[in-house]
């Protein structure tokens, strides 16, 4: 590699060979450093995705509540299940 004291005006920084912490990563190191577990942490009891048909009036009502409208529907349905659960 060519060593310079500062980054060139129109290009990328070139490592001066002195400080290992300043060394650019290789393509292999870049690939290894990319987080592969993306997304949210795994839940013990994850929700399932489904499709449900609702009346327009019902859907409009919940959407008008703003962010979290799907969570509100889930909570109402969960409360119903809990109150009607046969032991």
N, C-alpha and C. Protein backbone atom coordinates (compact mmCIF):
# COMPACT_ATOMS: atom_id res chain seq x y z
N UNK A 1 0.84 -1.19 0.00
CA UNK A 1 0.00 0.00 0.00
C UNK A 1 0.88 1.25 0.00
N UNK A 2 0.38 2.30 -0.56
CA UNK A 2 1.08 3.58 -0.58
C UNK A 2 0.75 4.32 0.71
N UNK A 3 1.75 4.86 1.38
CA UNK A 3 1.54 5.56 2.65
C UNK A 3 1.48 7.06 2.42
N UNK A 4 0.51 7.71 3.08
CA UNK A 4 0.42 9.17 3.05
C UNK A 4 0.10 9.67 4.45
N UNK A 5 0.35 10.94 4.69
CA UNK A 5 0.09 11.53 6.00
C UNK A 5 -1.37 11.90 6.18
N UNK A 6 -2.09 12.15 5.10
CA UNK A 6 -3.50 12.52 5.21
C UNK A 6 -4.26 11.96 4.02
N UNK A 7 -5.57 12.02 4.12
CA UNK A 7 -6.41 11.52 3.03
C UNK A 7 -6.27 12.41 1.81
N UNK A 8 -6.24 11.81 0.64
CA UNK A 8 -6.18 12.62 -0.57
C UNK A 8 -7.46 13.45 -0.72
N UNK A 9 -7.37 14.59 -1.38
CA UNK A 9 -8.51 15.50 -1.50
C UNK A 9 -9.68 14.89 -2.25
N UNK A 10 -9.44 14.08 -3.22
CA UNK A 10 -10.54 13.54 -4.01
C UNK A 10 -10.74 12.05 -3.89
N UNK A 11 -10.16 11.42 -2.88
CA UNK A 11 -10.28 9.97 -2.81
C UNK A 11 -10.35 9.43 -1.41
N UNK A 12 -10.18 8.14 -1.30
CA UNK A 12 -10.25 7.45 -0.01
C UNK A 12 -8.94 7.62 0.77
N UNK A 13 -9.05 7.38 2.07
CA UNK A 13 -7.88 7.42 2.94
C UNK A 13 -6.95 6.27 2.58
N UNK A 14 -5.67 6.53 2.58
CA UNK A 14 -4.67 5.49 2.31
C UNK A 14 -3.88 5.28 3.59
N UNK A 15 -3.83 4.05 4.05
CA UNK A 15 -3.17 3.70 5.31
C UNK A 15 -1.68 3.99 5.24
N UNK A 16 -1.15 4.65 6.30
CA UNK A 16 0.27 5.00 6.32
C UNK A 16 1.15 3.87 6.85
N UNK A 17 0.55 2.76 7.28
CA UNK A 17 1.30 1.61 7.74
C UNK A 17 1.79 1.70 9.16
N UNK A 18 1.47 2.77 9.88
CA UNK A 18 2.00 2.96 11.23
C UNK A 18 1.06 2.44 12.32
N UNK A 19 -0.19 2.79 12.27
CA UNK A 19 -1.13 2.44 13.34
C UNK A 19 -2.11 1.38 12.82
N UNK A 20 -2.06 0.19 13.42
CA UNK A 20 -2.90 -0.91 12.98
C UNK A 20 -4.39 -0.57 13.10
N UNK A 21 -4.76 0.28 14.06
CA UNK A 21 -6.17 0.66 14.23
C UNK A 21 -6.68 1.49 13.05
N UNK A 22 -5.79 2.11 12.31
CA UNK A 22 -6.18 2.93 11.16
C UNK A 22 -6.22 2.13 9.86
N UNK A 23 -5.79 0.87 9.93
CA UNK A 23 -5.73 0.05 8.71
C UNK A 23 -7.13 -0.21 8.18
N UNK A 24 -7.35 -0.01 6.88
CA UNK A 24 -8.66 -0.33 6.31
C UNK A 24 -8.93 -1.83 6.40
N UNK A 25 -10.18 -2.19 6.57
CA UNK A 25 -10.55 -3.60 6.62
C UNK A 25 -10.48 -4.22 5.24
N UNK A 26 -10.11 -5.49 5.20
CA UNK A 26 -10.13 -6.22 3.94
C UNK A 26 -11.58 -6.59 3.63
N UNK A 27 -11.84 -7.03 2.40
CA UNK A 27 -13.19 -7.45 2.05
C UNK A 27 -13.65 -8.60 2.94
N UNK A 28 -12.73 -9.53 3.24
CA UNK A 28 -13.06 -10.66 4.10
C UNK A 28 -13.45 -10.18 5.50
N UNK A 29 -12.68 -9.23 6.05
CA UNK A 29 -12.98 -8.70 7.38
C UNK A 29 -14.31 -7.95 7.39
N UNK A 30 -14.61 -7.26 6.31
CA UNK A 30 -15.88 -6.55 6.20
C UNK A 30 -17.04 -7.54 6.22
N UNK A 31 -16.93 -8.63 5.44
CA UNK A 31 -17.99 -9.64 5.41
C UNK A 31 -18.18 -10.28 6.77
N UNK A 32 -17.07 -10.58 7.46
CA UNK A 32 -17.15 -11.21 8.77
C UNK A 32 -17.74 -10.27 9.82
N UNK A 33 -17.56 -8.97 9.62
CA UNK A 33 -18.05 -7.99 10.58
C UNK A 33 -19.51 -7.65 10.43
N UNK A 34 -20.11 -8.06 9.32
CA UNK A 34 -21.52 -7.76 9.10
C UNK A 34 -22.36 -8.67 9.98
N UNK A 35 -23.27 -8.06 10.71
CA UNK A 35 -24.14 -8.82 11.61
C UNK A 35 -25.08 -9.68 10.80
N UNK A 36 -25.09 -10.96 11.09
CA UNK A 36 -25.89 -11.90 10.32
C UNK A 36 -27.23 -12.24 10.98
N UNK A 37 -27.43 -11.79 12.21
CA UNK A 37 -28.64 -12.17 12.93
C UNK A 37 -29.76 -11.16 12.75
N UNK A 38 -29.61 -10.19 11.87
CA UNK A 38 -30.55 -9.11 11.65
C UNK A 38 -31.95 -9.28 12.20
N UNK A 39 -32.64 -8.21 12.33
CA UNK A 39 -34.01 -8.23 12.81
C UNK A 39 -34.10 -8.18 14.32
N UNK A 40 -35.27 -8.43 14.79
CA UNK A 40 -35.53 -8.37 16.23
C UNK A 40 -35.04 -9.64 16.92
N UNK A 41 -34.83 -9.56 18.23
CA UNK A 41 -34.47 -10.76 18.98
C UNK A 41 -35.59 -11.79 18.91
N UNK A 42 -35.24 -13.05 19.00
CA UNK A 42 -36.23 -14.12 18.97
C UNK A 42 -37.10 -14.05 20.22
N UNK A 43 -38.41 -14.19 20.03
CA UNK A 43 -39.36 -14.17 21.14
C UNK A 43 -39.68 -15.59 21.58
N UNK A 44 -39.98 -15.76 22.86
CA UNK A 44 -40.35 -17.07 23.38
C UNK A 44 -41.70 -17.50 22.80
N UNK A 45 -42.61 -16.55 22.60
CA UNK A 45 -43.94 -16.84 22.08
C UNK A 45 -44.25 -15.86 20.95
N UNK A 46 -43.65 -16.08 19.77
CA UNK A 46 -43.83 -15.11 18.68
C UNK A 46 -45.25 -15.11 18.13
N UNK A 47 -45.65 -13.96 17.60
CA UNK A 47 -46.96 -13.85 16.97
C UNK A 47 -46.88 -14.44 15.58
N UNK A 48 -48.03 -14.89 15.08
CA UNK A 48 -48.11 -15.44 13.73
C UNK A 48 -48.76 -14.42 12.81
N UNK A 49 -48.28 -14.37 11.61
CA UNK A 49 -48.87 -13.50 10.61
C UNK A 49 -50.06 -14.21 9.98
N UNK A 50 -51.16 -13.47 9.78
CA UNK A 50 -52.35 -14.05 9.18
C UNK A 50 -53.10 -12.98 8.42
N UNK A 51 -54.10 -13.39 7.69
CA UNK A 51 -54.98 -12.46 7.00
C UNK A 51 -56.37 -12.63 7.58
N UNK A 52 -57.01 -11.52 7.87
CA UNK A 52 -58.36 -11.56 8.44
C UNK A 52 -59.21 -10.52 7.72
N UNK A 53 -60.46 -10.87 7.46
CA UNK A 53 -61.38 -9.94 6.81
C UNK A 53 -62.18 -9.22 7.89
N UNK A 54 -62.13 -7.89 7.84
CA UNK A 54 -62.86 -7.06 8.79
C UNK A 54 -63.77 -6.12 8.03
N UNK A 55 -64.88 -5.74 8.66
CA UNK A 55 -65.75 -4.72 8.06
C UNK A 55 -64.96 -3.42 7.94
N UNK A 56 -65.27 -2.64 6.91
CA UNK A 56 -64.59 -1.36 6.71
C UNK A 56 -64.72 -0.47 7.94
N UNK A 57 -65.91 -0.44 8.53
CA UNK A 57 -66.15 0.41 9.70
C UNK A 57 -65.23 0.02 10.86
N UNK A 58 -65.05 -1.28 11.07
CA UNK A 58 -64.18 -1.76 12.15
C UNK A 58 -62.73 -1.38 11.86
N UNK A 59 -62.29 -1.65 10.66
CA UNK A 59 -60.91 -1.34 10.29
C UNK A 59 -60.62 0.16 10.35
N UNK A 60 -61.54 0.96 9.83
CA UNK A 60 -61.37 2.42 9.86
C UNK A 60 -61.29 2.93 11.29
N UNK A 61 -62.12 2.37 12.18
CA UNK A 61 -62.12 2.79 13.58
C UNK A 61 -60.75 2.56 14.22
N UNK A 62 -60.20 1.37 14.05
CA UNK A 62 -58.92 1.05 14.68
C UNK A 62 -57.77 1.82 14.04
N UNK A 63 -57.78 1.96 12.73
CA UNK A 63 -56.72 2.72 12.07
C UNK A 63 -56.73 4.18 12.49
N UNK A 64 -57.92 4.71 12.77
CA UNK A 64 -58.04 6.10 13.22
C UNK A 64 -57.42 6.30 14.60
N UNK A 65 -57.22 5.22 15.34
CA UNK A 65 -56.60 5.30 16.67
C UNK A 65 -55.11 5.61 16.56
N UNK A 66 -54.55 5.44 15.37
CA UNK A 66 -53.14 5.75 15.16
C UNK A 66 -52.25 4.54 15.34
N UNK A 67 -50.97 4.84 15.58
CA UNK A 67 -49.95 3.80 15.71
C UNK A 67 -50.36 2.78 16.78
N UNK A 68 -50.16 1.52 16.47
CA UNK A 68 -50.48 0.45 17.41
C UNK A 68 -51.88 -0.10 17.25
N UNK A 69 -52.55 0.25 16.17
CA UNK A 69 -53.94 -0.21 16.01
C UNK A 69 -54.03 -1.73 15.92
N UNK A 70 -53.06 -2.38 15.31
CA UNK A 70 -53.10 -3.84 15.23
C UNK A 70 -52.90 -4.46 16.61
N UNK A 71 -52.04 -3.85 17.42
CA UNK A 71 -51.81 -4.32 18.78
C UNK A 71 -53.09 -4.20 19.60
N UNK A 72 -53.84 -3.12 19.39
CA UNK A 72 -55.11 -2.93 20.11
C UNK A 72 -56.11 -4.02 19.74
N UNK A 73 -56.20 -4.34 18.45
CA UNK A 73 -57.09 -5.42 18.03
C UNK A 73 -56.67 -6.73 18.69
N UNK A 74 -55.37 -7.01 18.70
CA UNK A 74 -54.87 -8.24 19.32
C UNK A 74 -55.22 -8.28 20.81
N UNK A 75 -55.06 -7.15 21.51
CA UNK A 75 -55.36 -7.08 22.94
C UNK A 75 -56.84 -7.35 23.20
N UNK A 76 -57.71 -6.75 22.40
CA UNK A 76 -59.15 -6.97 22.56
C UNK A 76 -59.50 -8.43 22.33
N UNK A 77 -58.93 -9.02 21.30
CA UNK A 77 -59.20 -10.44 21.03
C UNK A 77 -58.63 -11.34 22.12
N UNK A 78 -57.45 -11.00 22.64
CA UNK A 78 -56.85 -11.78 23.73
C UNK A 78 -57.71 -11.70 24.99
N UNK A 79 -58.22 -10.51 25.30
CA UNK A 79 -59.12 -10.35 26.46
C UNK A 79 -60.37 -11.19 26.29
N UNK A 80 -60.90 -11.24 25.07
CA UNK A 80 -62.09 -12.05 24.80
C UNK A 80 -61.78 -13.53 25.02
N UNK A 81 -60.65 -13.98 24.50
CA UNK A 81 -60.24 -15.39 24.68
C UNK A 81 -60.10 -15.70 26.16
N UNK A 82 -59.44 -14.82 26.91
CA UNK A 82 -59.23 -15.06 28.35
C UNK A 82 -60.54 -15.10 29.12
N UNK A 83 -61.50 -14.27 28.75
CA UNK A 83 -62.77 -14.23 29.48
C UNK A 83 -63.72 -15.35 29.07
N UNK A 84 -63.47 -15.99 27.95
CA UNK A 84 -64.34 -17.08 27.48
C UNK A 84 -63.64 -18.44 27.49
N UNK A 85 -62.47 -18.48 28.10
CA UNK A 85 -61.70 -19.72 28.13
C UNK A 85 -62.37 -20.73 29.07
N UNK A 86 -62.59 -21.94 28.57
CA UNK A 86 -63.18 -23.00 29.38
C UNK A 86 -62.05 -23.84 29.95
N UNK A 87 -62.03 -23.97 31.28
CA UNK A 87 -60.96 -24.72 31.95
C UNK A 87 -61.17 -26.20 31.87
